[in-house]
Amino acid sequence: MANIKSSKKRIDIAKRNTARNKSRKSEIKTLIKKFDAAVEAKDLDAASDLFKKADKRLKQAEAKNIMHKNKVARTSSRMAKALNSINA
């Protein structure tokens, strides 16, 4: 356990940030799962709406360094490809 006051504060801040990041990642994963279910059901309206929401959250996570930019690009690309497969 830290003895210095500033170290104790940093521990609290790290816990808070970890919880916040975990919440954001969980929200993104949930959106992706819902998107996959909509694609599976071939529901174009729901899938496109979920794609917009998930893509926005992914880019926000990338901007805040919660997720790596390559992972965000890969995930968005896969989702766009799945969405386009419904249209075809």
PDB file of N, CA and C in Angstrom:
ATOM      1  N   MET A   1       0.845  -1.192   0.000  1.00  0.00           N
ATOM      2  CA  MET A   1       0.000   0.000   0.000  1.00  0.00           C
ATOM      3  C   MET A   1       0.875   1.235   0.000  1.00  0.00           C
ATOM      4  N   ALA A   2       0.429   2.229  -0.734  1.00  0.00           N
ATOM      5  CA  ALA A   2       1.197   3.466  -0.846  1.00  0.00           C
ATOM      6  C   ALA A   2       1.137   4.261   0.457  1.00  0.00           C
ATOM      7  N   ASN A   3       2.220   4.950   0.761  1.00  0.00           N
ATOM      8  CA  ASN A   3       2.284   5.800   1.946  1.00  0.00           C
ATOM      9  C   ASN A   3       2.155   7.281   1.597  1.00  0.00           C
ATOM     10  N   ILE A   4       2.590   7.640   0.409  1.00  0.00           N
ATOM     11  CA  ILE A   4       2.577   9.048  -0.005  1.00  0.00           C
ATOM     12  C   ILE A   4       1.172   9.432  -0.445  1.00  0.00           C
ATOM     13  N   LYS A   5       0.753  10.627  -0.038  1.00  0.00           N
ATOM     14  CA  LYS A   5      -0.614  11.081  -0.299  1.00  0.00           C
ATOM     15  C   LYS A   5      -0.932  11.101  -1.792  1.00  0.00           C
ATOM     16  N   SER A   6      -0.019  11.588  -2.605  1.00  0.00           N
ATOM     17  CA  SER A   6      -0.267  11.668  -4.046  1.00  0.00           C
ATOM     18  C   SER A   6      -0.363  10.268  -4.661  1.00  0.00           C
ATOM     19  N   SER A   7       0.391   9.312  -4.114  1.00  0.00           N
ATOM     20  CA  SER A   7       0.319   7.936  -4.601  1.00  0.00           C
ATOM     21  C   SER A   7      -1.036   7.315  -4.290  1.00  0.00           C
ATOM     22  N   LYS A   8      -1.559   7.623  -3.113  1.00  0.00           N
ATOM     23  CA  LYS A   8      -2.885   7.128  -2.741  1.00  0.00           C
ATOM     24  C   LYS A   8      -3.947   7.697  -3.684  1.00  0.00           C
ATOM     25  N   LYS A   9      -3.813   8.979  -4.019  1.00  0.00           N
ATOM     26  CA  LYS A   9      -4.750   9.611  -4.945  1.00  0.00           C
ATOM     27  C   LYS A   9      -4.674   8.958  -6.320  1.00  0.00           C
ATOM     28  N   ARG A  10      -3.461   8.677  -6.794  1.00  0.00           N
ATOM     29  CA  ARG A  10      -3.288   8.055  -8.111  1.00  0.00           C
ATOM     30  C   ARG A  10      -3.930   6.661  -8.149  1.00  0.00           C
ATOM     31  N   ILE A  11      -3.846   5.935  -7.043  1.00  0.00           N
ATOM     32  CA  ILE A  11      -4.482   4.611  -6.968  1.00  0.00           C
ATOM     33  C   ILE A  11      -5.994   4.749  -7.126  1.00  0.00           C
ATOM     34  N   ASP A  12      -6.575   5.725  -6.442  1.00  0.00           N
ATOM     35  CA  ASP A  12      -8.022   5.965  -6.558  1.00  0.00           C
ATOM     36  C   ASP A  12      -8.401   6.370  -7.978  1.00  0.00           C
ATOM     37  N   ILE A  13      -7.595   7.230  -8.589  1.00  0.00           N
ATOM     38  CA  ILE A  13      -7.872   7.682  -9.956  1.00  0.00           C
ATOM     39  C   ILE A  13      -7.772   6.510 -10.931  1.00  0.00           C
ATOM     40  N   ALA A  14      -6.774   5.644 -10.729  1.00  0.00           N
ATOM     41  CA  ALA A  14      -6.598   4.489 -11.612  1.00  0.00           C
ATOM     42  C   ALA A  14      -7.795   3.545 -11.508  1.00  0.00           C
ATOM     43  N   LYS A  15      -8.296   3.336 -10.295  1.00  0.00           N
ATOM     44  CA  LYS A  15      -9.477   2.481 -10.113  1.00  0.00           C
ATOM     45  C   LYS A  15     -10.691   3.073 -10.812  1.00  0.00           C
ATOM     46  N   ARG A  16     -10.873   4.375 -10.665  1.00  0.00           N
ATOM     47  CA  ARG A  16     -12.008   5.060 -11.297  1.00  0.00           C
ATOM     48  C   ARG A  16     -11.928   4.958 -12.825  1.00  0.00           C
ATOM     49  N   ASN A  17     -10.730   5.218 -13.362  1.00  0.00           N
ATOM     50  CA  ASN A  17     -10.555   5.160 -14.811  1.00  0.00           C
ATOM     51  C   ASN A  17     -10.721   3.742 -15.349  1.00  0.00           C
ATOM     52  N   THR A  18     -10.240   2.754 -14.595  1.00  0.00           N
ATOM     53  CA  THR A  18     -10.388   1.363 -14.997  1.00  0.00           C
ATOM     54  C   THR A  18     -11.853   0.983 -15.075  1.00  0.00           C
ATOM     55  N   ALA A  19     -12.619   1.399 -14.081  1.00  0.00           N
ATOM     56  CA  ALA A  19     -14.056   1.104 -14.077  1.00  0.00           C
ATOM     57  C   ALA A  19     -14.751   1.783 -15.251  1.00  0.00           C
ATOM     58  N   ARG A  20     -14.389   3.018 -15.530  1.00  0.00           N
ATOM     59  CA  ARG A  20     -14.986   3.768 -16.641  1.00  0.00           C
ATOM     60  C   ARG A  20     -14.655   3.111 -17.975  1.00  0.00           C
ATOM     61  N   ASN A  21     -13.393   2.728 -18.160  1.00  0.00           N
ATOM     62  CA  ASN A  21     -12.970   2.086 -19.411  1.00  0.00           C
ATOM     63  C   ASN A  21     -13.646   0.731 -19.584  1.00  0.00           C
ATOM     64  N   LYS A  22     -13.769  -0.014 -18.485  1.00  0.00           N
ATOM     65  CA  LYS A  22     -14.407  -1.324 -18.544  1.00  0.00           C
ATOM     66  C   LYS A  22     -15.868  -1.186 -18.952  1.00  0.00           C
ATOM     67  N   SER A  23     -16.528  -0.163 -18.427  1.00  0.00           N
ATOM     68  CA  SER A  23     -17.923   0.098 -18.768  1.00  0.00           C
ATOM     69  C   SER A  23     -18.070   0.413 -20.256  1.00  0.00           C
ATOM     70  N   ARG A  24     -17.181   1.255 -20.776  1.00  0.00           N
ATOM     71  CA  ARG A  24     -17.234   1.627 -22.196  1.00  0.00           C
ATOM     72  C   ARG A  24     -16.974   0.424 -23.095  1.00  0.00           C
ATOM     73  N   LYS A  25     -15.993  -0.401 -22.730  1.00  0.00           N
ATOM     74  CA  LYS A  25     -15.706  -1.595 -23.524  1.00  0.00           C
ATOM     75  C   LYS A  25     -16.890  -2.555 -23.509  1.00  0.00           C
ATOM     76  N   SER A  26     -17.511  -2.694 -22.348  1.00  0.00           N
ATOM     77  CA  SER A  26     -18.659  -3.582 -22.218  1.00  0.00           C
ATOM     78  C   SER A  26     -19.815  -3.101 -23.087  1.00  0.00           C
ATOM     79  N   GLU A  27     -20.047  -1.794 -23.111  1.00  0.00           N
ATOM     80  CA  GLU A  27     -21.112  -1.233 -23.939  1.00  0.00           C
ATOM     81  C   GLU A  27     -20.857  -1.527 -25.414  1.00  0.00           C
ATOM     82  N   ILE A  28     -19.612  -1.385 -25.845  1.00  0.00           N
ATOM     83  CA  ILE A  28     -19.252  -1.643 -27.238  1.00  0.00           C
ATOM     84  C   ILE A  28     -19.479  -3.110 -27.583  1.00  0.00           C
ATOM     85  N   LYS A  29     -19.045  -4.005 -26.697  1.00  0.00           N
ATOM     86  CA  LYS A  29     -19.230  -5.436 -26.940  1.00  0.00           C
ATOM     87  C   LYS A  29     -20.705  -5.793 -27.050  1.00  0.00           C
ATOM     88  N   THR A  30     -21.530  -5.180 -26.207  1.00  0.00           N
ATOM     89  CA  THR A  30     -22.970  -5.433 -26.245  1.00  0.00           C
ATOM     90  C   THR A  30     -23.564  -4.963 -27.565  1.00  0.00           C
ATOM     91  N   LEU A  31     -23.160  -3.775 -28.013  1.00  0.00           N
ATOM     92  CA  LEU A  31     -23.652  -3.258 -29.290  1.00  0.00           C
ATOM     93  C   LEU A  31     -23.252  -4.164 -30.446  1.00  0.00           C
ATOM     94  N   ILE A  32     -22.032  -4.679 -30.406  1.00  0.00           N
ATOM     95  CA  ILE A  32     -21.560  -5.565 -31.476  1.00  0.00           C
ATOM     96  C   ILE A  32     -22.352  -6.869 -31.475  1.00  0.00           C
ATOM     97  N   LYS A  33     -22.637  -7.409 -30.293  1.00  0.00           N
ATOM     98  CA  LYS A  33     -23.422  -8.638 -30.214  1.00  0.00           C
ATOM     99  C   LYS A  33     -24.835  -8.430 -30.747  1.00  0.00           C
ATOM    100  N   LYS A  34     -25.436  -7.279 -30.422  1.00  0.00           N
ATOM    101  CA  LYS A  34     -26.773  -6.966 -30.934  1.00  0.00           C
ATOM    102  C   LYS A  34     -26.727  -6.802 -32.452  1.00  0.00           C
ATOM    103  N   PHE A  35     -25.667  -6.161 -32.951  1.00  0.00           N
ATOM    104  CA  PHE A  35     -25.502  -5.994 -34.389  1.00  0.00           C
ATOM    105  C   PHE A  35     -25.402  -7.346 -35.078  1.00  0.00           C
ATOM    106  N   ASP A  36     -24.589  -8.239 -34.517  1.00  0.00           N
ATOM    107  CA  ASP A  36     -24.429  -9.574 -35.097  1.00  0.00           C
ATOM    108  C   ASP A  36     -25.757 -10.328 -35.131  1.00  0.00           C
ATOM    109  N   ALA A  37     -26.557 -10.176 -34.071  1.00  0.00           N
ATOM    110  CA  ALA A  37     -27.864 -10.827 -34.030  1.00  0.00           C
ATOM    111  C   ALA A  37     -28.786 -10.257 -35.112  1.00  0.00           C
ATOM    112  N   ALA A  38     -28.730  -8.949 -35.331  1.00  0.00           N
ATOM    113  CA  ALA A  38     -29.562  -8.316 -36.363  1.00  0.00           C
ATOM    114  C   ALA A  38     -29.125  -8.759 -37.757  1.00  0.00           C
ATOM    115  N   VAL A  39     -27.820  -8.902 -37.957  1.00  0.00           N
ATOM    116  CA  VAL A  39     -27.309  -9.382 -39.249  1.00  0.00           C
ATOM    117  C   VAL A  39     -27.755 -10.819 -39.473  1.00  0.00           C
ATOM    118  N   GLU A  40     -27.690 -11.621 -38.434  1.00  0.00           N
ATOM    119  CA  GLU A  40     -28.107 -13.023 -38.521  1.00  0.00           C
ATOM    120  C   GLU A  40     -29.586 -13.122 -38.896  1.00  0.00           C
ATOM    121  N   ALA A  41     -30.398 -12.204 -38.355  1.00  0.00           N
ATOM    122  CA  ALA A  41     -31.834 -12.191 -38.641  1.00  0.00           C
ATOM    123  C   ALA A  41     -32.149 -11.448 -39.940  1.00  0.00           C
ATOM    124  N   LYS A  42     -31.099 -10.890 -40.583  1.00  0.00           N
ATOM    125  CA  LYS A  42     -31.241 -10.128 -41.827  1.00  0.00           C
ATOM    126  C   LYS A  42     -32.181  -8.931 -41.674  1.00  0.00           C
ATOM    127  N   ASP A  43     -32.098  -8.298 -40.513  1.00  0.00           N
ATOM    128  CA  ASP A  43     -32.891  -7.101 -40.221  1.00  0.00           C
ATOM    129  C   ASP A  43     -32.039  -5.874 -40.567  1.00  0.00           C
ATOM    130  N   LEU A  44     -32.232  -5.345 -41.766  1.00  0.00           N
ATOM    131  CA  LEU A  44     -31.381  -4.276 -42.280  1.00  0.00           C
ATOM    132  C   LEU A  44     -31.515  -2.985 -41.480  1.00  0.00           C
ATOM    133  N   ASP A  45     -32.738  -2.607 -41.109  1.00  0.00           N
ATOM    134  CA  ASP A  45     -32.941  -1.353 -40.379  1.00  0.00           C
ATOM    135  C   ASP A  45     -32.249  -1.381 -39.016  1.00  0.00           C
ATOM    136  N   ALA A  46     -32.475  -2.463 -38.282  1.00  0.00           N
ATOM    137  CA  ALA A  46     -31.869  -2.576 -36.949  1.00  0.00           C
ATOM    138  C   ALA A  46     -30.349  -2.671 -37.049  1.00  0.00           C
ATOM    139  N   ALA A  47     -29.867  -3.431 -38.034  1.00  0.00           N
ATOM    140  CA  ALA A  47     -28.425  -3.616 -38.192  1.00  0.00           C
ATOM    141  C   ALA A  47     -27.741  -2.299 -38.538  1.00  0.00           C
ATOM    142  N   SER A  48     -28.343  -1.519 -39.439  1.00  0.00           N
ATOM    143  CA  SER A  48     -27.705  -0.255 -39.821  1.00  0.00           C
ATOM    144  C   SER A  48     -27.718   0.737 -38.659  1.00  0.00           C
ATOM    145  N   ASP A  49     -28.788   0.739 -37.885  1.00  0.00           N
ATOM    146  CA  ASP A  49     -28.863   1.616 -36.712  1.00  0.00           C
ATOM    147  C   ASP A  49     -27.808   1.216 -35.673  1.00  0.00           C
ATOM    148  N   LEU A  50     -27.695  -0.064 -35.412  1.00  0.00           N
ATOM    149  CA  LEU A  50     -26.709  -0.559 -34.448  1.00  0.00           C
ATOM    150  C   LEU A  50     -25.282  -0.336 -34.957  1.00  0.00           C
ATOM    151  N   PHE A  51     -25.098  -0.445 -36.263  1.00  0.00           N
ATOM    152  CA  PHE A  51     -23.769  -0.197 -36.831  1.00  0.00           C
ATOM    153  C   PHE A  51     -23.333   1.243 -36.571  1.00  0.00           C
ATOM    154  N   LYS A  52     -24.249   2.195 -36.778  1.00  0.00           N
ATOM    155  CA  LYS A  52     -23.927   3.604 -36.547  1.00  0.00           C
ATOM    156  C   LYS A  52     -23.556   3.846 -35.087  1.00  0.00           C
ATOM    157  N   LYS A  53     -24.342   3.263 -34.177  1.00  0.00           N
ATOM    158  CA  LYS A  53     -24.069   3.451 -32.747  1.00  0.00           C
ATOM    159  C   LYS A  53     -22.735   2.828 -32.348  1.00  0.00           C
ATOM    160  N   ALA A  54     -22.513   1.583 -32.800  1.00  0.00           N
ATOM    161  CA  ALA A  54     -21.287   0.879 -32.433  1.00  0.00           C
ATOM    162  C   ALA A  54     -20.063   1.568 -33.025  1.00  0.00           C
ATOM    163  N   ASP A  55     -20.161   2.002 -34.272  1.00  0.00           N
ATOM    164  CA  ASP A  55     -19.037   2.663 -34.928  1.00  0.00           C
ATOM    165  C   ASP A  55     -18.678   3.965 -34.208  1.00  0.00           C
ATOM    166  N   LYS A  56     -19.694   4.713 -33.802  1.00  0.00           N
ATOM    167  CA  LYS A  56     -19.454   5.951 -33.067  1.00  0.00           C
ATOM    168  C   LYS A  56     -18.738   5.674 -31.746  1.00  0.00           C
ATOM    169  N   ARG A  57     -19.233   4.673 -31.011  1.00  0.00           N
ATOM    170  CA  ARG A  57     -18.620   4.334 -29.716  1.00  0.00           C
ATOM    171  C   ARG A  57     -17.195   3.816 -29.900  1.00  0.00           C
ATOM    172  N   LEU A  58     -16.962   3.033 -30.955  1.00  0.00           N
ATOM    173  CA  LEU A  58     -15.618   2.529 -31.222  1.00  0.00           C
ATOM    174  C   LEU A  58     -14.656   3.688 -31.467  1.00  0.00           C
ATOM    175  N   LYS A  59     -15.091   4.654 -32.266  1.00  0.00           N
ATOM    176  CA  LYS A  59     -14.213   5.785 -32.573  1.00  0.00           C
ATOM    177  C   LYS A  59     -13.977   6.663 -31.357  1.00  0.00           C
ATOM    178  N   GLN A  60     -14.980   6.776 -30.487  1.00  0.00           N
ATOM    179  CA  GLN A  60     -14.787   7.518 -29.239  1.00  0.00           C
ATOM    180  C   GLN A  60     -13.768   6.806 -28.353  1.00  0.00           C
ATOM    181  N   ALA A  61     -13.862   5.475 -28.286  1.00  0.00           N
ATOM    182  CA  ALA A  61     -12.926   4.693 -27.476  1.00  0.00           C
ATOM    183  C   ALA A  61     -11.511   4.821 -28.031  1.00  0.00           C
ATOM    184  N   GLU A  62     -11.398   4.855 -29.347  1.00  0.00           N
ATOM    185  CA  GLU A  62     -10.091   5.038 -29.978  1.00  0.00           C
ATOM    186  C   GLU A  62      -9.512   6.405 -29.631  1.00  0.00           C
ATOM    187  N   ALA A  63     -10.339   7.427 -29.667  1.00  0.00           N
ATOM    188  CA  ALA A  63      -9.882   8.783 -29.380  1.00  0.00           C
ATOM    189  C   ALA A  63      -9.419   8.930 -27.938  1.00  0.00           C
ATOM    190  N   LYS A  64     -10.021   8.174 -27.036  1.00  0.00           N
ATOM    191  CA  LYS A  64      -9.663   8.257 -25.623  1.00  0.00           C
ATOM    192  C   LYS A  64      -8.651   7.186 -25.213  1.00  0.00           C
ATOM    193  N   ASN A  65      -8.056   6.522 -26.191  1.00  0.00           N
ATOM    194  CA  ASN A  65      -7.034   5.495 -25.967  1.00  0.00           C
ATOM    195  C   ASN A  65      -7.532   4.334 -25.118  1.00  0.00           C
ATOM    196  N   ILE A  66      -8.814   4.007 -25.245  1.00  0.00           N
ATOM    197  CA  ILE A  66      -9.355   2.852 -24.544  1.00  0.00           C
ATOM    198  C   ILE A  66      -9.133   1.599 -25.388  1.00  0.00           C
ATOM    199  N   MET A  67      -9.227   1.766 -26.701  1.00  0.00           N
ATOM    200  CA  MET A  67      -9.006   0.662 -27.631  1.00  0.00           C
ATOM    201  C   MET A  67      -7.968   1.098 -28.657  1.00  0.00           C
ATOM    202  N   HIS A  68      -7.228   0.131 -29.152  1.00  0.00           N
ATOM    203  CA  HIS A  68      -6.184   0.412 -30.147  1.00  0.00           C
ATOM    204  C   HIS A  68      -6.826   0.747 -31.488  1.00  0.00           C
ATOM    205  N   LYS A  69      -6.195   1.657 -32.214  1.00  0.00           N
ATOM    206  CA  LYS A  69      -6.771   2.134 -33.476  1.00  0.00           C
ATOM    207  C   LYS A  69      -6.914   1.021 -34.504  1.00  0.00           C
ATOM    208  N   ASN A  70      -5.985   0.079 -34.533  1.00  0.00           N
ATOM    209  CA  ASN A  70      -6.082  -1.011 -35.505  1.00  0.00           C
ATOM    210  C   ASN A  70      -7.238  -1.947 -35.174  1.00  0.00           C
ATOM    211  N   LYS A  71      -7.488  -2.172 -33.888  1.00  0.00           N
ATOM    212  CA  LYS A  71      -8.612  -3.013 -33.496  1.00  0.00           C
ATOM    213  C   LYS A  71      -9.927  -2.344 -33.873  1.00  0.00           C
ATOM    214  N   VAL A  72      -9.995  -1.037 -33.670  1.00  0.00           N
ATOM    215  CA  VAL A  72     -11.205  -0.289 -34.027  1.00  0.00           C
ATOM    216  C   VAL A  72     -11.438  -0.368 -35.529  1.00  0.00           C
ATOM    217  N   ALA A  73     -10.391  -0.170 -36.318  1.00  0.00           N
ATOM    218  CA  ALA A  73     -10.505  -0.219 -37.777  1.00  0.00           C
ATOM    219  C   ALA A  73     -10.929  -1.611 -38.238  1.00  0.00           C
ATOM    220  N   ARG A  74     -10.326  -2.631 -37.651  1.00  0.00           N
ATOM    221  CA  ARG A  74     -10.648  -4.015 -38.015  1.00  0.00           C
ATOM    222  C   ARG A  74     -12.098  -4.348 -37.691  1.00  0.00           C
ATOM    223  N   THR A  75     -12.543  -3.959 -36.504  1.00  0.00           N
ATOM    224  CA  THR A  75     -13.910  -4.247 -36.066  1.00  0.00           C
ATOM    225  C   THR A  75     -14.927  -3.506 -36.933  1.00  0.00           C
ATOM    226  N   SER A  76     -14.671  -2.234 -37.200  1.00  0.00           N
ATOM    227  CA  SER A  76     -15.579  -1.442 -38.037  1.00  0.00           C
ATOM    228  C   SER A  76     -15.659  -2.023 -39.445  1.00  0.00           C
ATOM    229  N   SER A  77     -14.523  -2.438 -39.964  1.00  0.00           N
ATOM    230  CA  SER A  77     -14.478  -3.013 -41.306  1.00  0.00           C
ATOM    231  C   SER A  77     -15.282  -4.310 -41.385  1.00  0.00           C
ATOM    232  N   ARG A  78     -15.129  -5.151 -40.392  1.00  0.00           N
ATOM    233  CA  ARG A  78     -15.877  -6.417 -40.366  1.00  0.00           C
ATOM    234  C   ARG A  78     -17.379  -6.165 -40.266  1.00  0.00           C
ATOM    235  N   MET A  79     -17.741  -5.190 -39.446  1.00  0.00           N
ATOM    236  CA  MET A  79     -19.161  -4.876 -39.296  1.00  0.00           C
ATOM    237  C   MET A  79     -19.740  -4.301 -40.588  1.00  0.00           C
ATOM    238  N   ALA A  80     -18.978  -3.432 -41.259  1.00  0.00           N
ATOM    239  CA  ALA A  80     -19.442  -2.854 -42.520  1.00  0.00           C
ATOM    240  C   ALA A  80     -19.603  -3.933 -43.582  1.00  0.00           C
ATOM    241  N   LYS A  81     -18.669  -4.866 -43.600  1.00  0.00           N
ATOM    242  CA  LYS A  81     -18.733  -5.974 -44.560  1.00  0.00           C
ATOM    243  C   LYS A  81     -19.970  -6.833 -44.302  1.00  0.00           C
ATOM    244  N   ALA A  82     -20.260  -7.083 -43.038  1.00  0.00           N
ATOM    245  CA  ALA A  82     -21.455  -7.876 -42.669  1.00  0.00           C
ATOM    246  C   ALA A  82     -22.724  -7.135 -43.043  1.00  0.00           C
ATOM    247  N   LEU A  83     -22.728  -5.823 -42.827  1.00  0.00           N
ATOM    248  CA  LEU A  83     -23.898  -5.007 -43.168  1.00  0.00           C
ATOM    249  C   LEU A  83     -24.138  -5.007 -44.668  1.00  0.00           C
ATOM    250  N   ASN A  84     -23.052  -4.891 -45.440  1.00  0.00           N
ATOM    251  CA  ASN A  84     -23.175  -4.899 -46.893  1.00  0.00           C
ATOM    252  C   ASN A  84     -23.609  -6.256 -47.424  1.00  0.00           C
ATOM    253  N   SER A  85     -23.320  -7.327 -46.691  1.00  0.00           N
ATOM    254  CA  SER A  85     -23.734  -8.655 -47.151  1.00  0.00           C
ATOM    255  C   SER A  85     -25.260  -8.814 -47.054  1.00  0.00           C
ATOM    256  N   ILE A  86     -25.891  -8.050 -46.169  1.00  0.00           N
ATOM    257  CA  ILE A  86     -27.371  -8.087 -46.082  1.00  0.00           C
ATOM    258  C   ILE A  86     -27.980  -7.422 -47.312  1.00  0.00           C
ATOM    259  N   ASN A  87     -27.364  -6.295 -47.722  1.00  0.00           N
ATOM    260  CA  ASN A  87     -27.869  -5.544 -48.870  1.00  0.00           C
ATOM    261  C   ASN A  87     -27.793  -6.359 -50.163  1.00  0.00           C
ATOM    262  N   ALA A  88     -26.749  -7.149 -50.297  1.00  0.00           N
ATOM    263  CA  ALA A  88     -26.538  -7.891 -51.545  1.00  0.00           C
ATOM    264  C   ALA A  88     -27.476  -9.048 -51.709  1.00  0.00           C
TER     265      ALA A  88
END
